[in-house]
Amino acid sequence: MNSKNKKNIFKELLGYVIVALIAALISIGLRIFVIEPFIVPTPSMSPTLLVSDRVIVNKLQYKFRQVQRGDIVAIYSPLEKKNLVNG
């Protein structure tokens, strides 16, 4: 391999690394500020949501409108030190 081929391979690998880092930063940002997955821990929402059902919570929704009847809300419980899903 000559030095030109090595430079081309390095540039291509660097491009892949940059794309992977950007994708990771976008997904982390979305997870922190926009959406978050939850697992339903108790049967309190049965039959609508069952134990171990998975839901994705929109964190921005209630910055633009009030909570309405029938909404499912995920909260952090400081007493139990975990996230809860309530409806």
C-alpha atoms as a PDB file:
ATOM      1  CA  MET A   1       0.000   0.000   0.000  1.00  0.00           C
ATOM      2  CA  ASN A   2       1.263   3.410  -0.811  1.00  0.00           C
ATOM      3  CA  SER A   3       0.736   6.478   1.346  1.00  0.00           C
ATOM      4  CA  LYS A   4      -2.087   7.777  -0.876  1.00  0.00           C
ATOM      5  CA  ASN A   5      -4.155   4.621  -0.281  1.00  0.00           C
ATOM      6  CA  LYS A   6      -3.493   4.829   3.466  1.00  0.00           C
ATOM      7  CA  LYS A   7      -4.692   8.437   3.537  1.00  0.00           C
ATOM      8  CA  ASN A   8      -7.861   7.512   1.623  1.00  0.00           C
ATOM      9  CA  ILE A   9      -8.610   4.638   3.996  1.00  0.00           C
ATOM     10  CA  PHE A  10      -7.977   6.881   7.020  1.00  0.00           C
ATOM     11  CA  LYS A  11     -10.289   9.584   5.624  1.00  0.00           C
ATOM     12  CA  GLU A  12     -13.018   7.035   4.960  1.00  0.00           C
ATOM     13  CA  LEU A  13     -12.738   5.545   8.458  1.00  0.00           C
ATOM     14  CA  LEU A  14     -12.731   9.023   9.976  1.00  0.00           C
ATOM     15  CA  GLY A  15     -15.929   9.787   8.048  1.00  0.00           C
ATOM     16  CA  TYR A  16     -17.612   6.672   9.486  1.00  0.00           C
ATOM     17  CA  VAL A  17     -16.513   7.583  13.013  1.00  0.00           C
ATOM     18  CA  ILE A  18     -17.859  11.124  12.640  1.00  0.00           C
ATOM     19  CA  VAL A  19     -21.217   9.852  11.354  1.00  0.00           C
ATOM     20  CA  ALA A  20     -21.433   7.362  14.240  1.00  0.00           C
ATOM     21  CA  LEU A  21     -20.666  10.094  16.799  1.00  0.00           C
ATOM     22  CA  ILE A  22     -23.259  12.445  15.329  1.00  0.00           C
ATOM     23  CA  ALA A  23     -25.876   9.662  15.357  1.00  0.00           C
ATOM     24  CA  ALA A  24     -25.030   8.855  18.985  1.00  0.00           C
ATOM     25  CA  LEU A  25     -25.298  12.505  20.040  1.00  0.00           C
ATOM     26  CA  ILE A  26     -28.651  12.915  18.293  1.00  0.00           C
ATOM     27  CA  SER A  27     -30.079   9.760  19.886  1.00  0.00           C
ATOM     28  CA  ILE A  28     -28.833  10.753  23.350  1.00  0.00           C
ATOM     29  CA  GLY A  29     -30.278  14.248  22.933  1.00  0.00           C
ATOM     30  CA  LEU A  30     -33.642  12.822  21.874  1.00  0.00           C
ATOM     31  CA  ARG A  31     -33.628  10.403  24.807  1.00  0.00           C
ATOM     32  CA  ILE A  32     -32.838  13.135  27.340  1.00  0.00           C
ATOM     33  CA  PHE A  33     -35.088  15.928  26.067  1.00  0.00           C
ATOM     34  CA  VAL A  34     -37.835  14.545  23.775  1.00  0.00           C
ATOM     35  CA  ILE A  35     -38.826  10.884  24.264  1.00  0.00           C
ATOM     36  CA  GLU A  36     -38.154   8.117  26.763  1.00  0.00           C
ATOM     37  CA  PRO A  37     -39.220   4.469  26.859  1.00  0.00           C
ATOM     38  CA  PHE A  38     -40.917   3.106  30.001  1.00  0.00           C
ATOM     39  CA  ILE A  39     -42.063  -0.308  31.167  1.00  0.00           C
ATOM     40  CA  VAL A  40     -45.414  -0.469  32.999  1.00  0.00           C
ATOM     41  CA  PRO A  41     -44.536  -1.804  36.502  1.00  0.00           C
ATOM     42  CA  THR A  42     -47.987  -2.520  38.009  1.00  0.00           C
ATOM     43  CA  PRO A  43     -51.429  -3.726  36.846  1.00  0.00           C
ATOM     44  CA  SER A  44     -53.096  -0.427  37.825  1.00  0.00           C
ATOM     45  CA  MET A  45     -53.786   0.436  34.153  1.00  0.00           C
ATOM     46  CA  SER A  46     -55.209  -2.982  33.301  1.00  0.00           C
ATOM     47  CA  PRO A  47     -56.787  -3.788  30.771  1.00  0.00           C
ATOM     48  CA  THR A  48     -55.493  -0.750  28.824  1.00  0.00           C
ATOM     49  CA  LEU A  49     -51.846  -1.351  29.749  1.00  0.00           C
ATOM     50  CA  LEU A  50     -50.633  -4.631  31.183  1.00  0.00           C
ATOM     51  CA  VAL A  51     -47.641  -5.301  33.422  1.00  0.00           C
ATOM     52  CA  SER A  52     -44.396  -5.218  31.388  1.00  0.00           C
ATOM     53  CA  ASP A  53     -45.985  -3.337  28.473  1.00  0.00           C
ATOM     54  CA  ARG A  54     -43.624  -0.844  26.922  1.00  0.00           C
ATOM     55  CA  VAL A  55     -44.629   2.745  26.191  1.00  0.00           C
ATOM     56  CA  ILE A  56     -42.749   5.700  24.712  1.00  0.00           C
ATOM     57  CA  VAL A  57     -43.316   8.969  26.549  1.00  0.00           C
ATOM     58  CA  ASN A  58     -43.309  12.331  24.763  1.00  0.00           C
ATOM     59  CA  LYS A  59     -41.571  14.730  27.167  1.00  0.00           C
ATOM     60  CA  LEU A  60     -42.514  17.876  25.222  1.00  0.00           C
ATOM     61  CA  GLN A  61     -46.285  17.303  25.025  1.00  0.00           C
ATOM     62  CA  TYR A  62     -47.270  19.115  28.216  1.00  0.00           C
ATOM     63  CA  LYS A  63     -45.152  22.180  27.516  1.00  0.00           C
ATOM     64  CA  PHE A  64     -47.748  23.046  24.857  1.00  0.00           C
ATOM     65  CA  ARG A  65     -51.008  21.807  26.392  1.00  0.00           C
ATOM     66  CA  GLN A  66     -52.532  20.794  29.732  1.00  0.00           C
ATOM     67  CA  VAL A  67     -52.974  17.223  30.935  1.00  0.00           C
ATOM     68  CA  GLN A  68     -56.376  15.976  29.805  1.00  0.00           C
ATOM     69  CA  ARG A  69     -58.650  13.203  30.974  1.00  0.00           C
ATOM     70  CA  GLY A  70     -57.550   9.871  29.510  1.00  0.00           C
ATOM     71  CA  ASP A  71     -53.877  10.836  29.179  1.00  0.00           C
ATOM     72  CA  ILE A  72     -51.271   8.406  30.415  1.00  0.00           C
ATOM     73  CA  VAL A  73     -48.602  10.201  32.454  1.00  0.00           C
ATOM     74  CA  ALA A  74     -45.159   8.932  33.454  1.00  0.00           C
ATOM     75  CA  ILE A  75     -43.701  10.393  36.644  1.00  0.00           C
ATOM     76  CA  TYR A  76     -40.637   9.891  38.811  1.00  0.00           C
ATOM     77  CA  SER A  77     -41.457   8.682  42.330  1.00  0.00           C
ATOM     78  CA  PRO A  78     -38.896   9.928  44.868  1.00  0.00           C
ATOM     79  CA  LEU A  79     -40.304   7.530  47.480  1.00  0.00           C
ATOM     80  CA  GLU A  80     -39.795   4.454  45.320  1.00  0.00           C
ATOM     81  CA  LYS A  81     -36.824   5.978  43.467  1.00  0.00           C
ATOM     82  CA  LYS A  82     -38.137   4.855  40.070  1.00  0.00           C
ATOM     83  CA  ASN A  83     -40.302   6.004  37.179  1.00  0.00           C
ATOM     84  CA  LEU A  84     -44.013   5.171  37.267  1.00  0.00           C
ATOM     85  CA  VAL A  85     -46.649   5.192  34.522  1.00  0.00           C
ATOM     86  CA  ASN A  86     -50.093   6.446  35.611  1.00  0.00           C
ATOM     87  CA  GLY A  87     -53.315   7.039  33.764  1.00  0.00           C
END
